[in-house]
Amino acid sequence: MSVRTPDPNPGWLSEIALDETRSRVPILYVEAVPVRVDALGSVEHVGLLLGGSVTTGVMTRTIVSGRVMHGESVRDALLRNLEKDLGPTAFPQLPTSVAPFTVAEYFPLPGVTPLHDPRQHAVSLVYVVPVTGECNPRQDALELSWLTPEEVLSPAVLGDLEGGRGALVKQALAHLGALG
C-alpha cells in the first residue's frame, strides 16, 4: 500500500512505467532549501518539512524536492515543486539564474555517496530559495518547521534529514556563509 499522495499530473508516467524507468536511467530532480532572510540577505531561518518517508514509512525531515517533467523547464519545475510542497502563498523568490548552488547525485546502493535513494539513481539540481509568504505544507508534508541555522546544524536535526540530505542543507548554509 502506498502512503504517497497521488501525482496531480499523472500524464508523465504511470507508477509502473516510473518504477521501470527508475530501474534503468537516472531521473532529474530539483530540490530547494527554503530560507527566510533579513533585509541584508542573511539567513535567519531554514525551512524543513516533516513527513513520512516514501521508502520506509518512518517520520523524517526533508527539503522541497520533485521531478522535472518531460517538456518542463527547470525554472517551472522548481516553482511547481515549491508550490506543491509549501503552498501557493509561500511567494518564493526564484533565482535569476537557473544555475544551482550544487548538483547532488543519489544512488540506490548505500555508501556510494552520502546521498541515498533506494528507489533509483537520481541527479538533483539544488537551490536555496528565499520565501516571503505564508507556508502551508501540502502533499506528503505534515508541517514546515523554521529553524535557525544553529538549530539546523545540530547532529540530531541533520541526522533526521532523509536520504543524507543533512549534507545538502549543511552545504547550502556553507554556500550562504551561514555556518556561524
C-alpha atoms as a PDB file:
ATOM      1  CA  MET A   1       0.000   0.000   0.000  1.00  0.00           C
ATOM      2  CA  SER A   2       1.380   3.398  -0.975  1.00  0.00           C
ATOM      3  CA  VAL A   3       1.303   6.296   1.501  1.00  0.00           C
ATOM      4  CA  ARG A   4       2.208   8.810  -1.215  1.00  0.00           C
ATOM      5  CA  THR A   5      -0.147  11.495  -2.390  1.00  0.00           C
ATOM      6  CA  PRO A   6      -1.224  10.707  -5.966  1.00  0.00           C
ATOM      7  CA  ASP A   7       0.630  12.728  -8.601  1.00  0.00           C
ATOM      8  CA  PRO A   8      -1.690  15.622  -9.605  1.00  0.00           C
ATOM      9  CA  ASN A   9      -0.296  15.409 -13.150  1.00  0.00           C
ATOM     10  CA  PRO A  10      -0.241  11.674 -13.860  1.00  0.00           C
ATOM     11  CA  GLY A  11       0.309  12.244 -17.586  1.00  0.00           C
ATOM     12  CA  TRP A  12       4.075  11.987 -17.236  1.00  0.00           C
ATOM     13  CA  LEU A  13       4.491   8.283 -16.447  1.00  0.00           C
ATOM     14  CA  SER A  14       2.302   5.728 -14.744  1.00  0.00           C
ATOM     15  CA  GLU A  15       3.613   4.353 -11.441  1.00  0.00           C
ATOM     16  CA  ILE A  16       4.584   1.091 -13.185  1.00  0.00           C
ATOM     17  CA  ALA A  17       6.380   2.922 -16.003  1.00  0.00           C
ATOM     18  CA  LEU A  18       8.099   5.226 -13.490  1.00  0.00           C
ATOM     19  CA  ASP A  19       9.357   2.245 -11.462  1.00  0.00           C
ATOM     20  CA  GLU A  20      10.658   0.628 -14.661  1.00  0.00           C
ATOM     21  CA  THR A  21      12.344   3.856 -15.783  1.00  0.00           C
ATOM     22  CA  ARG A  22      13.874   4.418 -12.343  1.00  0.00           C
ATOM     23  CA  SER A  23      15.478   0.985 -12.553  1.00  0.00           C
ATOM     24  CA  ARG A  24      17.165   1.830 -15.875  1.00  0.00           C
ATOM     25  CA  VAL A  25      18.059   5.544 -16.108  1.00  0.00           C
ATOM     26  CA  PRO A  26      18.831   8.437 -13.749  1.00  0.00           C
ATOM     27  CA  ILE A  27      15.875  10.738 -13.099  1.00  0.00           C
ATOM     28  CA  LEU A  28      16.322  14.545 -12.963  1.00  0.00           C
ATOM     29  CA  TYR A  29      15.041  16.358  -9.868  1.00  0.00           C
ATOM     30  CA  VAL A  30      15.086  19.864  -8.461  1.00  0.00           C
ATOM     31  CA  GLU A  31      15.467  20.457  -4.737  1.00  0.00           C
ATOM     32  CA  ALA A  32      15.173  23.655  -2.747  1.00  0.00           C
ATOM     33  CA  VAL A  33      16.249  24.666   0.732  1.00  0.00           C
ATOM     34  CA  PRO A  34      13.661  27.295   1.725  1.00  0.00           C
ATOM     35  CA  VAL A  35      15.052  30.146   3.826  1.00  0.00           C
ATOM     36  CA  ARG A  36      13.880  33.333   5.484  1.00  0.00           C
ATOM     37  CA  VAL A  37      16.377  36.164   5.182  1.00  0.00           C
ATOM     38  CA  ASP A  38      16.716  39.570   6.832  1.00  0.00           C
ATOM     39  CA  ALA A  39      16.910  42.901   4.981  1.00  0.00           C
ATOM     40  CA  LEU A  40      20.633  42.360   4.326  1.00  0.00           C
ATOM     41  CA  GLY A  41      20.099  38.875   2.886  1.00  0.00           C
ATOM     42  CA  SER A  42      21.457  36.967   5.890  1.00  0.00           C
ATOM     43  CA  VAL A  43      19.754  33.668   6.642  1.00  0.00           C
ATOM     44  CA  GLU A  44      17.570  33.860   9.733  1.00  0.00           C
ATOM     45  CA  HIS A  45      15.684  30.570   9.377  1.00  0.00           C
ATOM     46  CA  VAL A  46      15.753  27.400   7.309  1.00  0.00           C
ATOM     47  CA  GLY A  47      12.506  25.600   6.476  1.00  0.00           C
ATOM     48  CA  LEU A  48      12.425  21.829   6.897  1.00  0.00           C
ATOM     49  CA  LEU A  49       9.436  19.683   6.018  1.00  0.00           C
ATOM     50  CA  LEU A  50       8.256  16.871   8.282  1.00  0.00           C
ATOM     51  CA  GLY A  51       6.602  13.866   6.741  1.00  0.00           C
ATOM     52  CA  GLY A  52       6.634  10.128   6.316  1.00  0.00           C
ATOM     53  CA  SER A  53       9.438   8.609   4.290  1.00  0.00           C
ATOM     54  CA  VAL A  54       8.283   7.283   0.921  1.00  0.00           C
ATOM     55  CA  THR A  55      10.630   4.319   1.255  1.00  0.00           C
ATOM     56  CA  THR A  56      10.440   3.431   4.966  1.00  0.00           C
ATOM     57  CA  GLY A  57       7.236   4.975   6.320  1.00  0.00           C
ATOM     58  CA  VAL A  58       9.248   6.494   9.206  1.00  0.00           C
ATOM     59  CA  MET A  59       8.799  10.177  10.113  1.00  0.00           C
ATOM     60  CA  THR A  60      11.702  12.198   8.685  1.00  0.00           C
ATOM     61  CA  ARG A  61      12.614  15.736   7.772  1.00  0.00           C
ATOM     62  CA  THR A  62      13.324  16.784   4.211  1.00  0.00           C
ATOM     63  CA  ILE A  63      13.561  19.727   1.852  1.00  0.00           C
ATOM     64  CA  VAL A  64      11.453  20.666  -1.164  1.00  0.00           C
ATOM     65  CA  SER A  65      12.038  18.058  -3.845  1.00  0.00           C
ATOM     66  CA  GLY A  66      10.450  16.814  -7.034  1.00  0.00           C
ATOM     67  CA  ARG A  67      10.957  15.561 -10.566  1.00  0.00           C
ATOM     68  CA  VAL A  68      11.472  17.673 -13.639  1.00  0.00           C
ATOM     69  CA  MET A  69       8.801  16.508 -16.044  1.00  0.00           C
ATOM     70  CA  HIS A  70       9.300  15.942 -19.762  1.00  0.00           C
ATOM     71  CA  GLY A  71       8.979  19.256 -21.601  1.00  0.00           C
ATOM     72  CA  GLU A  72       9.123  21.317 -18.395  1.00  0.00           C
ATOM     73  CA  SER A  73      11.818  23.952 -17.841  1.00  0.00           C
ATOM     74  CA  VAL A  74      13.976  23.723 -14.731  1.00  0.00           C
ATOM     75  CA  ARG A  75      12.586  27.077 -13.534  1.00  0.00           C
ATOM     76  CA  ASP A  76       8.988  25.859 -13.974  1.00  0.00           C
ATOM     77  CA  ALA A  77       9.798  22.588 -12.184  1.00  0.00           C
ATOM     78  CA  LEU A  78      11.352  24.495  -9.275  1.00  0.00           C
ATOM     79  CA  LEU A  79       8.332  26.779  -8.937  1.00  0.00           C
ATOM     80  CA  ARG A  80       5.854  23.873  -9.265  1.00  0.00           C
ATOM     81  CA  ASN A  81       7.602  21.835  -6.577  1.00  0.00           C
ATOM     82  CA  LEU A  82       7.923  24.811  -4.224  1.00  0.00           C
ATOM     83  CA  GLU A  83       4.199  25.457  -4.570  1.00  0.00           C
ATOM     84  CA  LYS A  84       3.410  21.743  -4.258  1.00  0.00           C
ATOM     85  CA  ASP A  85       5.359  21.411  -1.001  1.00  0.00           C
ATOM     86  CA  LEU A  86       4.971  24.879   0.590  1.00  0.00           C
ATOM     87  CA  GLY A  87       1.580  26.011  -0.697  1.00  0.00           C
ATOM     88  CA  PRO A  88       0.514  28.717  -3.143  1.00  0.00           C
ATOM     89  CA  THR A  89       1.122  31.637  -0.753  1.00  0.00           C
ATOM     90  CA  ALA A  90       4.791  30.891   0.062  1.00  0.00           C
ATOM     91  CA  PHE A  91       5.918  33.502  -2.503  1.00  0.00           C
ATOM     92  CA  PRO A  92       9.314  32.005  -3.335  1.00  0.00           C
ATOM     93  CA  GLN A  93      11.959  34.359  -4.723  1.00  0.00           C
ATOM     94  CA  LEU A  94      13.345  32.255  -7.555  1.00  0.00           C
ATOM     95  CA  PRO A  95      16.964  32.884  -8.501  1.00  0.00           C
ATOM     96  CA  THR A  96      17.538  34.958 -11.635  1.00  0.00           C
ATOM     97  CA  SER A  97      19.787  32.213 -12.994  1.00  0.00           C
ATOM     98  CA  VAL A  98      18.825  28.551 -13.203  1.00  0.00           C
ATOM     99  CA  ALA A  99      22.358  27.585 -12.129  1.00  0.00           C
ATOM    100  CA  PRO A 100      22.050  25.575  -8.879  1.00  0.00           C
ATOM    101  CA  PHE A 101      24.397  26.043  -5.947  1.00  0.00           C
ATOM    102  CA  THR A 102      25.231  22.334  -6.256  1.00  0.00           C
ATOM    103  CA  VAL A 103      24.342  19.187  -8.156  1.00  0.00           C
ATOM    104  CA  ALA A 104      23.514  16.197  -5.975  1.00  0.00           C
ATOM    105  CA  GLU A 105      23.608  12.577  -7.020  1.00  0.00           C
ATOM    106  CA  TYR A 106      21.600   9.893  -5.246  1.00  0.00           C
ATOM    107  CA  PHE A 107      22.413   6.218  -5.707  1.00  0.00           C
ATOM    108  CA  PRO A 108      20.247   3.202  -4.871  1.00  0.00           C
ATOM    109  CA  LEU A 109      23.212   1.470  -3.212  1.00  0.00           C
ATOM    110  CA  PRO A 110      24.146   2.967   0.164  1.00  0.00           C
ATOM    111  CA  GLY A 111      27.682   4.238   0.644  1.00  0.00           C
ATOM    112  CA  VAL A 112      28.431   5.321  -2.946  1.00  0.00           C
ATOM    113  CA  THR A 113      27.788   8.961  -1.948  1.00  0.00           C
ATOM    114  CA  PRO A 114      26.381  10.462   1.264  1.00  0.00           C
ATOM    115  CA  LEU A 115      23.030  10.723  -0.571  1.00  0.00           C
ATOM    116  CA  HIS A 116      20.920   7.607  -0.930  1.00  0.00           C
ATOM    117  CA  ASP A 117      17.566   6.787  -2.522  1.00  0.00           C
ATOM    118  CA  PRO A 118      16.790   3.051  -2.598  1.00  0.00           C
ATOM    119  CA  ARG A 119      14.274   3.578  -5.441  1.00  0.00           C
ATOM    120  CA  GLN A 120      16.614   4.998  -8.032  1.00  0.00           C
ATOM    121  CA  HIS A 121      19.700   6.717  -9.350  1.00  0.00           C
ATOM    122  CA  ALA A 122      18.749  10.406  -9.343  1.00  0.00           C
ATOM    123  CA  VAL A 123      20.500  13.635 -10.219  1.00  0.00           C
ATOM    124  CA  SER A 124      19.238  16.752  -8.485  1.00  0.00           C
ATOM    125  CA  LEU A 125      19.812  20.440  -9.124  1.00  0.00           C
ATOM    126  CA  VAL A 126      19.809  22.047  -5.660  1.00  0.00           C
ATOM    127  CA  TYR A 127      18.840  25.657  -4.928  1.00  0.00           C
ATOM    128  CA  VAL A 128      18.482  27.914  -1.913  1.00  0.00           C
ATOM    129  CA  VAL A 129      15.220  29.827  -2.277  1.00  0.00           C
ATOM    130  CA  PRO A 130      14.106  32.672  -0.003  1.00  0.00           C
ATOM    131  CA  VAL A 131      10.384  32.639   0.695  1.00  0.00           C
ATOM    132  CA  THR A 132       8.449  35.651   1.967  1.00  0.00           C
ATOM    133  CA  GLY A 133       4.860  34.454   2.301  1.00  0.00           C
ATOM    134  CA  GLU A 134       2.846  32.077   4.432  1.00  0.00           C
ATOM    135  CA  CYS A 135       3.843  28.455   4.012  1.00  0.00           C
ATOM    136  CA  ASN A 136       1.150  25.814   4.310  1.00  0.00           C
ATOM    137  CA  PRO A 137       2.686  22.432   3.520  1.00  0.00           C
ATOM    138  CA  ARG A 138       0.735  20.299   1.123  1.00  0.00           C
ATOM    139  CA  GLN A 139       1.074  16.901  -0.496  1.00  0.00           C
ATOM    140  CA  ASP A 140       3.040  14.485   1.709  1.00  0.00           C
ATOM    141  CA  ALA A 141       4.348  17.030   4.241  1.00  0.00           C
ATOM    142  CA  LEU A 142       2.704  17.289   7.647  1.00  0.00           C
ATOM    143  CA  GLU A 143       4.370  20.509   8.738  1.00  0.00           C
ATOM    144  CA  LEU A 144       7.099  23.003   7.958  1.00  0.00           C
ATOM    145  CA  SER A 145       9.448  23.979  10.775  1.00  0.00           C
ATOM    146  CA  TRP A 146      11.502  27.172  10.629  1.00  0.00           C
ATOM    147  CA  LEU A 147      14.790  26.593  12.434  1.00  0.00           C
ATOM    148  CA  THR A 148      17.749  28.879  12.955  1.00  0.00           C
ATOM    149  CA  PRO A 149      20.954  27.857  11.187  1.00  0.00           C
ATOM    150  CA  GLU A 150      22.380  26.841  14.565  1.00  0.00           C
ATOM    151  CA  GLU A 151      19.392  24.573  15.263  1.00  0.00           C
ATOM    152  CA  VAL A 152      19.601  23.018  11.794  1.00  0.00           C
ATOM    153  CA  LEU A 153      23.297  22.244  12.270  1.00  0.00           C
ATOM    154  CA  SER A 154      22.675  20.126  15.360  1.00  0.00           C
ATOM    155  CA  PRO A 155      23.593  16.477  14.725  1.00  0.00           C
ATOM    156  CA  ALA A 156      20.066  15.382  15.667  1.00  0.00           C
ATOM    157  CA  VAL A 157      18.387  17.590  13.035  1.00  0.00           C
ATOM    158  CA  LEU A 158      20.970  16.850  10.326  1.00  0.00           C
ATOM    159  CA  GLY A 159      20.578  13.133  11.079  1.00  0.00           C
ATOM    160  CA  ASP A 160      16.780  13.371  10.742  1.00  0.00           C
ATOM    161  CA  LEU A 161      17.020  14.542   7.139  1.00  0.00           C
ATOM    162  CA  GLU A 162      16.018  11.749   4.774  1.00  0.00           C
ATOM    163  CA  GLY A 163      18.490  10.160   2.375  1.00  0.00           C
ATOM    164  CA  GLY A 164      21.533  12.056   3.647  1.00  0.00           C
ATOM    165  CA  ARG A 165      20.023  15.457   2.838  1.00  0.00           C
ATOM    166  CA  GLY A 166      21.607  16.797   6.023  1.00  0.00           C
ATOM    167  CA  ALA A 167      24.819  17.057   3.995  1.00  0.00           C
ATOM    168  CA  LEU A 168      22.984  19.153   1.381  1.00  0.00           C
ATOM    169  CA  VAL A 169      21.495  21.504   3.971  1.00  0.00           C
ATOM    170  CA  LYS A 170      24.905  21.942   5.601  1.00  0.00           C
ATOM    171  CA  GLN A 171      26.414  22.620   2.167  1.00  0.00           C
ATOM    172  CA  ALA A 172      23.660  25.197   1.468  1.00  0.00           C
ATOM    173  CA  LEU A 173      24.430  27.024   4.720  1.00  0.00           C
ATOM    174  CA  ALA A 174      28.145  26.996   3.893  1.00  0.00           C
ATOM    175  CA  HIS A 175      27.352  28.372   0.426  1.00  0.00           C
ATOM    176  CA  LEU A 176      25.429  31.237   2.080  1.00  0.00           C
ATOM    177  CA  GLY A 177      28.120  31.927   4.681  1.00  0.00           C
ATOM    178  CA  ALA A 178      25.714  30.925   7.461  1.00  0.00           C
ATOM    179  CA  LEU A 179      27.703  28.205   9.221  1.00  0.00           C
ATOM    180  CA  GLY A 180      28.357  30.582  12.114  1.00  0.00           C
END
